[in-house]
Amino acid sequence: MRVGATLWRMQNVRVGVIGVGGMGSFHAHTLASLAHVDLAAVADPYQPNVDKVTAALGCAGGNDPMALATDESLDAVVIASPDDTHADLAIAAINAGLWVLCEKPLATTMADAFRVIDAEVGLGSRRVQLGFMREYDPAHVQLVAELRDAGRIDAIRAVHRNSNDRRRPIAQIVGQSMVHDIHSVRFISGEEITSVSAFGAGAADDSYRHILAVCQLESGAHAMVEFDDAGFAYEVSVEVLGADGDVLTGAPVRAVRRRKGSVDTFIGPDWFAWFAEAYRAQDRAWIASIQAGEATGPSTWDGLIAHHVVEAVIQSLTTGASVVVEHLGKPEIY
């Protein structure tokens, strides 16, 4: 640990943001608004992104993400760059002694995810928080709190609707979007997923519009993760069936009319608006953990296991068979 917890409370946290497109720019603006945070610099190979953020927030800017990830004048970095850069940047930041908030996914391969794990284990303590922000979403927080009186969990249904206007490859759909729902099943249930049977509809080339993944949990309960990539609105909901009561997020299910070009409901297409407060709460919690000198929230291990299940979902979709999710031994630091 570079600095003791007491000293962290006496000084501002100097933060850099890597990747300042839509998500990274949101992080930059959020962090710049927080007390005891200095947004020192941003980095993005695309100069217009850099110019827009530096003009708005008055921070330094550059085009070399790796230079920012290894800048020891910083205390911490946010990694919001393209998915395939996450692992190398996170490892570099860990080795530079920085705290890290890394957007999901942790990596695009299990091998790269294990490399990040190895870097933290080699250090002997956690330095990375993964951007599974639903753990900070008020609706999800309330649902988990209500589960205390619901008894044994028998089933979970997680529904996630996107409003994409273009087809995405299966790996992108599952690895970028459904990965959130996979993590939700794990943190809501407190259990690991042991097997997956996945089904797709609306096939076109290497893509589906709709994917249903039926997951078996350690206790014998099951979770149904339902994803629509080409709906007419954005929506996330969770329903948990407990032995002593059921808990749902949001309003009761009701019929609404949604069609192309018109959405006759309160639900809109903007996922930023849906989870804006969750992202803000996540960033506040991350800064608080740095000030306390101890990483909290979703870990690199959570990122690795989520990707492990992602690969099982993809394998099931492509083979038509149920896939066992192999148990992995968790290092002590997690």
Protein backbone atom coordinates (compact mmCIF):
# COMPACT_ATOMS: atom_id res chain seq x y z
CA MET A 1 0.00 0.00 0.00
CA ARG A 2 1.62 3.26 -1.07
CA VAL A 3 0.06 5.47 1.59
CA GLY A 4 -1.60 4.72 4.92
CA ALA A 5 -5.35 5.15 5.40
CA THR A 6 -4.89 8.14 7.73
CA LEU A 7 -2.89 10.07 5.15
CA TRP A 8 -5.49 9.31 2.45
CA ARG A 9 -8.07 11.19 4.51
CA MET A 10 -5.80 14.24 4.68
CA GLN A 11 -5.29 14.75 0.96
CA ASN A 12 -7.22 14.78 -2.28
CA VAL A 13 -7.16 11.67 -4.44
CA ARG A 14 -5.47 12.35 -7.79
CA VAL A 15 -7.30 10.44 -10.51
CA GLY A 16 -6.81 9.87 -14.23
CA VAL A 17 -9.42 8.55 -16.65
CA ILE A 18 -8.41 6.33 -19.56
CA GLY A 19 -10.88 6.39 -22.43
CA VAL A 20 -13.22 9.39 -22.48
CA GLY A 21 -15.95 8.39 -24.88
CA GLY A 22 -19.47 8.24 -23.47
CA MET A 23 -18.75 6.10 -20.39
CA GLY A 24 -15.33 7.53 -19.58
CA SER A 25 -16.57 11.10 -20.00
CA PHE A 26 -19.37 10.36 -17.53
CA HIS A 27 -16.80 9.06 -15.02
CA ALA A 28 -14.63 12.14 -15.56
CA HIS A 29 -17.49 14.56 -14.91
CA THR A 30 -18.67 12.57 -11.89
CA LEU A 31 -15.22 12.40 -10.31
CA ALA A 32 -14.53 16.07 -10.99
CA SER A 33 -17.68 16.93 -9.02
CA LEU A 34 -16.63 15.02 -5.89
CA ALA A 35 -15.00 16.57 -2.86
CA HIS A 36 -11.44 15.42 -2.13
CA VAL A 37 -10.88 14.36 -5.76
CA ASP A 38 -8.51 16.00 -8.23
CA LEU A 39 -9.23 14.94 -11.80
CA ALA A 40 -5.61 15.26 -12.91
CA ALA A 41 -5.69 13.99 -16.50
CA VAL A 42 -7.51 12.01 -19.16
CA ALA A 43 -6.13 9.95 -22.04
CA ASP A 44 -7.76 8.77 -25.25
CA PRO A 45 -6.23 8.08 -28.68
CA TYR A 46 -9.15 9.99 -30.25
CA GLN A 47 -8.25 13.67 -29.86
CA PRO A 48 -11.81 15.10 -30.09
CA ASN A 49 -12.77 13.09 -27.00
CA VAL A 50 -9.80 14.51 -25.11
CA ASP A 51 -10.49 18.07 -26.25
CA LYS A 52 -14.13 17.92 -25.18
CA VAL A 53 -13.36 16.73 -21.64
CA THR A 54 -10.32 18.93 -21.02
CA ALA A 55 -12.22 22.01 -22.20
CA ALA A 56 -15.14 21.22 -19.90
CA LEU A 57 -13.18 20.18 -16.82
CA GLY A 58 -9.83 21.94 -17.07
CA CYS A 59 -7.72 18.81 -16.58
CA ALA A 60 -4.65 17.74 -18.56
CA GLY A 61 -5.12 15.50 -21.59
CA GLY A 62 -3.12 13.12 -23.73
CA ASN A 63 -3.38 10.35 -26.30
CA ASP A 64 -1.35 7.58 -24.62
CA PRO A 65 -3.50 5.40 -22.31
CA MET A 66 -0.52 3.33 -21.11
CA ALA A 67 1.37 6.46 -20.07
CA LEU A 68 -1.54 7.41 -17.83
CA ALA A 69 -1.87 3.86 -16.44
CA THR A 70 1.79 3.98 -15.32
CA ASP A 71 1.82 7.60 -14.08
CA GLU A 72 3.02 7.33 -10.48
CA SER A 73 2.08 10.95 -9.79
CA LEU A 74 -1.52 9.69 -9.74
CA ASP A 75 -3.23 7.77 -6.98
CA ALA A 76 -5.80 6.01 -9.14
CA VAL A 77 -7.11 5.49 -12.65
CA VAL A 78 -10.45 4.66 -14.24
CA ILE A 79 -10.20 2.31 -17.22
CA ALA A 80 -13.05 2.96 -19.66
CA SER A 81 -11.20 2.13 -22.88
CA PRO A 82 -12.11 -0.62 -25.38
CA ASP A 83 -12.65 -4.05 -23.83
CA ASP A 84 -9.53 -5.70 -25.25
CA THR A 85 -7.29 -3.07 -23.58
CA HIS A 86 -8.60 -3.57 -20.04
CA ALA A 87 -6.30 -6.37 -18.88
CA ASP A 88 -2.98 -4.80 -19.99
CA LEU A 89 -3.91 -1.38 -18.61
CA ALA A 90 -5.10 -2.83 -15.29
CA ILE A 91 -1.91 -4.85 -14.87
CA ALA A 92 0.23 -1.81 -15.67
CA ALA A 93 -1.68 0.29 -13.14
CA ILE A 94 -1.41 -2.39 -10.44
CA ASN A 95 2.34 -2.60 -11.03
CA ALA A 96 2.58 1.19 -10.79
CA GLY A 97 0.91 1.08 -7.37
CA LEU A 98 -2.34 2.71 -8.49
CA TRP A 99 -5.89 1.98 -7.44
CA VAL A 100 -8.12 0.99 -10.35
CA LEU A 101 -11.77 1.23 -11.28
CA CYS A 102 -12.07 -0.91 -14.42
CA GLU A 103 -15.19 -1.00 -16.53
CA LYS A 104 -16.47 -4.47 -17.31
CA PRO A 105 -15.41 -6.79 -18.75
CA LEU A 106 -12.19 -7.41 -16.87
CA ALA A 107 -10.81 -9.04 -20.03
CA THR A 108 -11.95 -10.61 -23.26
CA THR A 109 -10.25 -13.98 -22.60
CA MET A 110 -9.85 -16.15 -19.51
CA ALA A 111 -6.08 -16.09 -19.99
CA ASP A 112 -6.01 -12.29 -19.77
CA ALA A 113 -8.37 -12.29 -16.79
CA PHE A 114 -6.03 -14.69 -14.97
CA ARG A 115 -3.10 -12.37 -15.73
CA VAL A 116 -4.86 -9.55 -13.85
CA ILE A 117 -5.63 -11.92 -10.98
CA ASP A 118 -1.97 -12.96 -10.87
CA ALA A 119 -0.86 -9.32 -10.70
CA GLU A 120 -3.07 -8.64 -7.68
CA VAL A 121 -2.21 -11.91 -5.97
CA GLY A 122 1.47 -11.13 -6.51
CA LEU A 123 0.94 -7.79 -4.79
CA GLY A 124 -0.85 -9.52 -1.93
CA SER A 125 -3.89 -7.26 -1.79
CA ARG A 126 -6.78 -6.02 -3.92
CA ARG A 127 -6.27 -2.83 -5.95
CA VAL A 128 -9.03 -3.15 -8.55
CA GLN A 129 -12.77 -2.58 -8.43
CA LEU A 130 -14.84 -3.85 -11.39
CA GLY A 131 -17.56 -1.68 -12.88
CA PHE A 132 -20.53 -3.93 -12.08
CA MET A 133 -22.46 -0.86 -10.99
CA ARG A 134 -25.78 -2.64 -10.39
CA GLU A 135 -24.51 -3.43 -6.90
CA TYR A 136 -24.98 0.31 -6.27
CA ASP A 137 -28.30 0.71 -8.12
CA PRO A 138 -31.04 1.73 -5.64
CA ALA A 139 -33.53 -0.80 -7.04
CA HIS A 140 -31.04 -3.68 -6.75
CA VAL A 141 -29.88 -2.54 -3.30
CA GLN A 142 -33.48 -2.48 -2.09
CA LEU A 143 -34.20 -5.88 -3.60
CA VAL A 144 -31.22 -7.48 -1.81
CA ALA A 145 -32.29 -5.85 1.47
CA GLU A 146 -35.82 -7.27 1.14
CA LEU A 147 -34.46 -10.76 0.53
CA ARG A 148 -33.59 -11.01 4.23
CA ASP A 149 -37.24 -11.86 4.90
CA ALA A 150 -37.88 -13.91 1.74
CA GLY A 151 -36.29 -17.13 2.92
CA ARG A 152 -34.50 -19.63 0.71
CA ILE A 153 -34.07 -18.47 -2.90
CA ASP A 154 -35.74 -20.91 -5.27
CA ALA A 155 -35.49 -18.98 -8.54
CA ILE A 156 -34.31 -15.71 -10.08
CA ARG A 157 -35.51 -14.11 -13.28
CA ALA A 158 -33.38 -11.31 -14.71
CA VAL A 159 -34.69 -9.45 -17.77
CA HIS A 160 -32.51 -7.07 -19.78
CA ARG A 161 -33.75 -5.29 -22.90
CA ASN A 162 -31.53 -3.17 -25.13
CA SER A 163 -32.59 -0.97 -28.02
CA ASN A 164 -29.69 -1.51 -30.42
CA ASP A 165 -30.33 -0.67 -34.05
CA ARG A 166 -27.57 -2.95 -35.33
CA ARG A 167 -26.74 -6.63 -35.04
CA ARG A 168 -23.91 -7.53 -32.68
CA PRO A 169 -21.86 -10.76 -32.60
CA ILE A 170 -22.82 -13.30 -29.94
CA ALA A 171 -19.57 -12.73 -28.02
CA GLN A 172 -20.28 -9.00 -27.83
CA ILE A 173 -23.91 -9.45 -26.76
CA VAL A 174 -23.01 -11.86 -23.96
CA GLY A 175 -19.66 -10.38 -22.97
CA GLN A 176 -20.68 -6.71 -22.99
CA SER A 177 -24.34 -6.82 -21.95
CA MET A 178 -25.49 -10.13 -20.44
CA VAL A 179 -22.36 -10.15 -18.28
CA HIS A 180 -24.12 -7.59 -16.05
CA ASP A 181 -27.05 -9.97 -15.51
CA ILE A 182 -24.69 -12.88 -14.85
CA HIS A 183 -23.02 -10.86 -12.11
CA SER A 184 -26.43 -9.82 -10.76
CA VAL A 185 -27.40 -13.47 -10.33
CA ARG A 186 -24.19 -14.09 -8.38
CA PHE A 187 -24.35 -11.09 -6.05
CA ILE A 188 -28.11 -11.39 -5.43
CA SER A 189 -27.98 -15.11 -4.66
CA GLY A 190 -24.53 -15.27 -3.07
CA GLU A 191 -24.04 -18.48 -5.06
CA GLU A 192 -21.97 -19.62 -8.00
CA ILE A 193 -23.46 -20.75 -11.30
CA THR A 194 -22.68 -24.43 -11.87
CA SER A 195 -24.17 -25.04 -15.32
CA VAL A 196 -25.78 -23.14 -18.20
CA SER A 197 -28.24 -24.03 -20.95
CA ALA A 198 -28.64 -21.18 -23.44
CA PHE A 199 -31.08 -20.67 -26.31
CA GLY A 200 -31.19 -18.01 -29.01
CA ALA A 201 -33.94 -16.62 -31.23
CA GLY A 202 -33.94 -14.21 -34.16
CA ALA A 203 -30.72 -15.63 -35.58
CA ALA A 204 -28.81 -13.72 -38.25
CA ASP A 205 -25.24 -14.70 -39.07
CA ASP A 206 -23.24 -14.74 -35.80
CA SER A 207 -25.96 -12.99 -33.85
CA TYR A 208 -29.29 -13.34 -32.06
CA ARG A 209 -31.95 -10.86 -31.12
CA HIS A 210 -33.08 -12.77 -28.04
CA ILE A 211 -31.06 -15.02 -25.72
CA LEU A 212 -32.33 -17.05 -22.78
CA ALA A 213 -29.79 -18.59 -20.40
CA VAL A 214 -31.04 -21.03 -17.77
CA CYS A 215 -28.46 -21.24 -15.00
CA GLN A 216 -28.23 -23.85 -12.26
CA LEU A 217 -26.96 -22.57 -8.89
CA GLU A 218 -25.02 -24.40 -6.19
CA SER A 219 -28.09 -24.84 -3.99
CA GLY A 220 -30.16 -26.37 -6.78
CA ALA A 221 -32.05 -23.13 -7.41
CA HIS A 222 -32.11 -21.81 -10.95
CA ALA A 223 -31.80 -18.41 -12.57
CA MET A 224 -33.24 -17.38 -15.92
CA VAL A 225 -31.36 -14.59 -17.66
CA GLU A 226 -33.41 -13.17 -20.53
CA PHE A 227 -31.83 -10.69 -22.93
CA ASP A 228 -33.30 -8.80 -25.91
CA ASP A 229 -30.76 -6.90 -28.03
CA ALA A 230 -33.19 -5.21 -30.41
CA GLY A 231 -36.16 -4.13 -28.34
CA PHE A 232 -37.92 -0.79 -28.56
CA ALA A 233 -36.87 0.43 -25.12
CA TYR A 234 -34.20 -0.08 -22.47
CA GLU A 235 -35.25 -2.01 -19.40
CA VAL A 236 -33.71 -4.02 -16.56
CA SER A 237 -35.75 -5.91 -14.00
CA VAL A 238 -35.18 -8.70 -11.50
CA GLU A 239 -37.63 -11.03 -9.78
CA VAL A 240 -36.58 -13.38 -6.97
CA LEU A 241 -38.82 -16.22 -5.82
CA GLY A 242 -38.18 -17.03 -2.19
CA ALA A 243 -39.60 -19.74 0.04
CA ASP A 244 -41.27 -17.09 2.25
CA GLY A 245 -41.89 -14.32 -0.26
CA ASP A 246 -41.13 -12.96 -3.71
CA VAL A 247 -39.24 -9.72 -4.38
CA LEU A 248 -39.31 -7.67 -7.60
CA THR A 249 -37.55 -4.52 -8.75
CA GLY A 250 -39.53 -1.67 -10.23
CA ALA A 251 -43.24 -1.44 -10.94
CA PRO A 252 -45.51 -4.51 -11.19
CA VAL A 253 -45.48 -6.22 -14.58
CA ARG A 254 -48.17 -4.84 -16.85
CA ALA A 255 -48.97 -4.79 -20.55
CA VAL A 256 -47.47 -1.88 -22.44
CA ARG A 257 -47.36 -1.15 -26.14
CA ARG A 258 -43.94 -0.73 -27.68
CA ARG A 259 -43.38 -0.47 -31.41
CA LYS A 260 -40.76 0.87 -33.76
CA GLY A 261 -40.67 4.65 -33.65
CA SER A 262 -42.98 4.92 -30.66
CA VAL A 263 -42.82 3.82 -27.04
CA ASP A 264 -46.14 4.12 -25.21
CA THR A 265 -44.68 3.72 -21.73
CA PHE A 266 -42.53 5.57 -19.23
CA ILE A 267 -39.54 3.45 -20.29
CA GLY A 268 -37.13 5.04 -22.77
CA PRO A 269 -34.03 3.96 -24.69
CA ASP A 270 -31.39 5.66 -22.50
CA TRP A 271 -29.37 3.25 -20.34
CA PHE A 272 -27.27 6.12 -18.97
CA ALA A 273 -30.37 7.72 -17.48
CA TRP A 274 -31.55 4.38 -16.10
CA PHE A 275 -28.34 3.76 -14.15
CA ALA A 276 -26.88 7.27 -13.76
CA GLU A 277 -27.27 7.28 -9.98
CA ALA A 278 -25.77 3.78 -9.76
CA TYR A 279 -22.65 4.98 -11.60
CA ARG A 280 -22.39 8.03 -9.33
CA ALA A 281 -22.79 5.89 -6.20
CA GLN A 282 -20.18 3.45 -7.54
CA ASP A 283 -17.66 6.23 -8.12
CA ARG A 284 -18.29 7.70 -4.67
CA ALA A 285 -17.80 4.29 -3.06
CA TRP A 286 -14.58 3.75 -5.03
CA ILE A 287 -13.10 7.04 -3.83
CA ALA A 288 -14.14 6.24 -0.26
CA SER A 289 -12.38 2.86 -0.50
CA ILE A 290 -9.19 4.55 -1.68
CA GLN A 291 -9.35 6.99 1.22
CA ALA A 292 -9.80 4.02 3.57
CA GLY A 293 -6.87 2.20 1.95
CA GLU A 294 -8.85 -0.95 1.13
CA ALA A 295 -10.50 -1.97 -2.16
CA THR A 296 -14.18 -2.86 -1.90
CA GLY A 297 -17.01 -3.59 -4.31
CA PRO A 298 -16.92 -6.07 -7.21
CA SER A 299 -13.44 -7.56 -7.55
CA THR A 300 -11.24 -8.88 -10.30
CA TRP A 301 -12.32 -12.34 -9.13
CA ASP A 302 -15.93 -11.35 -9.83
CA GLY A 303 -14.82 -10.22 -13.27
CA LEU A 304 -13.03 -13.49 -13.97
CA ILE A 305 -15.96 -15.65 -12.82
CA ALA A 306 -18.43 -13.56 -14.83
CA HIS A 307 -16.32 -14.11 -17.94
CA HIS A 308 -16.08 -17.82 -17.12
CA VAL A 309 -19.90 -17.99 -17.23
CA VAL A 310 -19.97 -15.81 -20.37
CA GLU A 311 -17.84 -18.41 -22.14
CA ALA A 312 -20.19 -21.16 -20.96
CA VAL A 313 -23.22 -19.27 -22.33
CA ILE A 314 -21.50 -18.81 -25.70
CA GLN A 315 -20.49 -22.48 -25.80
CA SER A 316 -24.05 -23.58 -25.03
CA LEU A 317 -25.46 -21.28 -27.72
CA THR A 318 -23.06 -22.59 -30.36
CA THR A 319 -23.29 -26.30 -29.46
CA GLY A 320 -26.89 -26.57 -28.30
CA ALA A 321 -25.76 -28.46 -25.21
CA SER A 322 -25.83 -27.71 -21.50
CA VAL A 323 -22.39 -26.63 -20.26
CA VAL A 324 -20.92 -27.29 -16.82
CA VAL A 325 -19.18 -24.23 -15.35
CA GLU A 326 -15.97 -25.61 -13.87
CA HIS A 327 -15.24 -24.64 -10.27
CA LEU A 328 -12.19 -22.41 -9.90
CA GLY A 329 -10.20 -22.09 -6.67
CA LYS A 330 -10.44 -18.57 -5.26
CA PRO A 331 -7.22 -16.93 -3.98
CA GLU A 332 -7.27 -15.83 -0.34
CA ILE A 333 -7.17 -12.09 -1.11
CA TYR A 334 -10.69 -12.34 -2.52
